[in-house]
Amino acid sequence: MKITRVRTRVFEWKGKVVPPQQHFCTNASDILFERGDAMGSFRFHGWMVVEIETDTGLIGIGNCALAPRVAKLIVDQYLAPIVMGEDPFDNEYLWQKMYRGTLAWGRKGIGMAAISAVDIALWDLMGKAVHRPVFKLLGGRTKEKIPCYASKLYANDDLDVFLAEAKGYLAQGFTSVKMRFGYGPKDGPAGMLKNIAQVRALRELVGDGVDIMLECYMGWTLEYARRMIPRLAEFNPRWLEEPVIADDIEGYAELKKMSPFPISGGEHEFTSYGFKDLLERRAVDVIQYDTNRVGGITAAQKINAMAEAWSVPVIPHAGQMHNYHLTMASTASPMSEFFPVFDVEVGNELFYYVFKGEPQPERGFLQLDDNLPGLGIEISTEHLHDFNIIE
């Protein structure tokens, strides 16, 4: 079996968008003076899809959501020539060739996201070729089903609206939910009080039998996080996510040492080398890579092996099928994130509009089909009219 074609498309959403509330989620730009929407640069209203075809007629599908137009150019100009004519089962060789061939500029960020998309497509191809789901190629089923947590609950100054959404997840059977903080350093003590009020309201609603996760999305500083952590302890969070920017590894390590509850991160880290650094410096309690950023399935399974050896759980960012297969096949991964199906807002929802086949949770658990080959997803035709598609 040889690769005969690499096709890339960018799906840019032009349909209905639900504008988020003001202060719906902190982010790294919050510390700056802004004239517009600071979170605008962190929205994902486009998706890049890679289709790799072989001389057998099989097609593997991969994807990435970071700067999709740029990622498309990288695949077209640099990565497609590397994999053309090759056997997709030589995925380790192809990963190393892509990584080492773009090392001068591609080792993190968009370059690695583009490699991830190609690698995911190769694994989808391999699964289809042997008529087995990807998780069976990674070691097989380690769980009867995958526990998952509901991940939305953007901050809202209207606590009634915020709590009504949380009640909906409880009614669906979720026993873990994640909320976002809306206020950070430049909002001062008043913002701190609003953050605390939101966590308190959620904890009082769900009780002690439900885990709550708290996300900052890189929107706090080390000094601010130091002040907030003691005030959050009474609410017993499952973790505090990305309290500082991804490159502040020393900041993560310091917060991990002082915090009575876990500190998580890694959504914006790349390859096994980046996570080796996080583990050796004992910077995080929970790893949260995203397979379509970190280097694909080939890189992610290596990170899982390291994390298992360090007894650090891996709970991938964003759910989605490329992450679910890894979670199912690894004892290092106790659960998955799940973004509820929703009108397009921040952009994670677009996965459901671009692809079909994603399983939906039942009473807080996800199931993968033992008999569905590859990743188990296809490109959806239902919403094509809502996309500007760039070939």
Foldseek 3Di string as FASTA:
>chain_A
DFWADKDKKKWAFQDDADADDALQFFAQQPVDDDPDRSCVVLFFRMKMKIWIADPVGDIFIFIFRAPRVVLVVCCVPPLVVLRGGHQLVVLVVSLCCLCVVCVVPQQFGSNLLSLQRVSLRSLLRVQVVVQWESLVVLADFPDPFFFEEEEDLGDDLPLVVSVVVVVVVVVQQHQEYEYHQRDEDVVPPVSLVSRLVNLVSSCVSNDPRGAYEYERHQRYDLVGLVVNQVSCVVSQHQEYENRHDPVPQVSLLVCCVPHPHWYEYACRAAFLVRLVVSLVSVRGQEYAHASSRHNHPVRVSVNLVVCVVSLRAYAYPLDDLSRRSSLRNGPSHRHYYYHDQDHHYRHSNCVVVQKDQAFDDGSRTTDDDRRQTGSRIDGDPPCSVRTDMDD
